[in-house]
C-alpha cells in the first residue's frame, strides 16, 4: 500500500469526523492512525525513544558484523511474502 499524501487525498469533515475519500484494501473496522508528516519528521522519522533507538543500532551493528563474517542473507521481499502467507 502506498502512503497517503495530504496533497493527493480528499477528505471532508462530517459531524466532527475526518472522512477520507481514498480507496483501500484494508478490512472493515481497521483502525488507522493518521499522523502529520511534519510530526513524524520532527521525531526523527519514527516513534522510538532513546533506549529503543540505541537497541536498534546495536542490532544493526550486530547484523552487519554477521554479514561481514559470512552469514547467509535472506531477501527482505521473500521474507515478507513468506510472513504474509503464514499470517493468513
Protein backbone atom coordinates (compact mmCIF):
# COMPACT_ATOMS: atom_id res chain seq x y z
CA UNK A 1 0.00 0.00 0.00
CA UNK A 2 1.26 3.45 -0.89
CA UNK A 3 1.44 6.13 1.78
CA UNK A 4 -1.29 8.73 1.55
CA UNK A 5 -0.07 12.26 0.92
CA UNK A 6 -2.04 15.27 2.13
CA UNK A 7 -1.89 16.93 -1.28
CA UNK A 8 -3.37 13.88 -3.02
CA UNK A 9 -6.09 12.70 -0.62
CA UNK A 10 -9.56 14.18 -0.44
CA UNK A 11 -11.16 14.45 2.96
CA UNK A 12 -14.26 16.10 4.37
CA UNK A 13 -15.40 16.73 7.90
CA UNK A 14 -18.76 15.15 8.80
CA UNK A 15 -20.16 15.50 12.30
CA UNK A 16 -16.73 16.49 13.59
CA UNK A 17 -15.06 13.47 11.96
CA UNK A 18 -12.46 13.46 9.21
CA UNK A 19 -13.73 11.29 6.35
CA UNK A 20 -11.15 10.29 3.72
CA UNK A 21 -12.23 9.60 0.18
CA UNK A 22 -9.46 7.14 -0.61
CA UNK A 23 -9.87 3.53 -1.81
CA UNK A 24 -8.16 0.91 0.34
CA UNK A 25 -7.88 -2.84 0.66
CA UNK A 26 -7.89 -2.67 4.47
CA UNK A 27 -10.55 -4.76 6.22
CA UNK A 28 -13.73 -3.11 7.53
CA UNK A 29 -13.23 -1.73 11.02
CA UNK A 30 -9.45 -1.48 10.71
CA UNK A 31 -8.15 1.35 12.89
CA UNK A 32 -5.70 3.63 11.10
CA UNK A 33 -3.63 6.31 12.82
CA UNK A 34 -3.15 9.48 10.81
CA UNK A 35 -0.05 11.43 11.77
CA UNK A 36 1.07 14.67 10.12
CA UNK A 37 4.28 14.12 8.21
CA UNK A 38 5.88 17.15 9.87
CA UNK A 39 5.37 15.49 13.27
CA UNK A 40 6.93 12.23 12.10
CA UNK A 41 9.94 14.04 10.65
CA UNK A 42 10.32 16.16 13.79
CA UNK A 43 10.65 12.92 15.78
CA UNK A 44 13.41 11.65 13.52
CA UNK A 45 11.12 9.60 11.28
CA UNK A 46 9.83 7.18 13.91
CA UNK A 47 8.43 6.87 17.41
CA UNK A 48 11.46 5.23 19.00
CA UNK A 49 12.65 6.57 22.32
CA UNK A 50 16.38 6.88 23.01
CA UNK A 51 16.64 3.39 24.53
CA UNK A 52 14.76 1.76 21.64
CA UNK A 53 16.86 3.63 19.09
CA UNK A 54 20.08 2.54 20.84
CA UNK A 55 18.86 -1.09 20.80
CA UNK A 56 18.04 -0.79 17.09
CA UNK A 57 21.54 0.50 16.36
CA UNK A 58 23.10 -2.34 18.40
CA UNK A 59 21.06 -4.89 16.45
CA UNK A 60 22.02 -3.30 13.13
CA UNK A 61 25.71 -3.31 14.06
CA UNK A 62 25.43 -6.97 15.09
CA UNK A 63 23.73 -7.83 11.80
CA UNK A 64 26.41 -6.04 9.78
CA UNK A 65 29.11 -7.94 11.67
CA UNK A 66 27.33 -11.25 10.96
CA UNK A 67 27.16 -10.49 7.24
CA UNK A 68 30.82 -9.49 7.18
CA UNK A 69 31.61 -12.81 8.89
CA UNK A 70 29.84 -14.67 6.07
CA UNK A 71 26.30 -15.16 7.41
CA UNK A 72 23.72 -16.08 4.78
CA UNK A 73 21.42 -13.25 3.72
CA UNK A 74 17.67 -13.51 3.21
CA UNK A 75 15.98 -11.25 0.66
CA UNK A 76 13.57 -8.94 2.52
CA UNK A 77 10.85 -9.24 -0.14
CA UNK A 78 10.99 -13.04 0.07
CA UNK A 79 10.80 -12.94 3.86
CA UNK A 80 7.86 -10.52 3.86
CA UNK A 81 6.00 -12.64 1.32
CA UNK A 82 6.55 -15.73 3.49
CA UNK A 83 5.37 -13.92 6.63
CA UNK A 84 2.25 -12.66 4.86
CA UNK A 85 1.48 -16.13 3.55
CA UNK A 86 1.81 -17.61 7.05
CA UNK A 87 -0.24 -14.85 8.70
CA UNK A 88 -3.49 -15.87 7.00
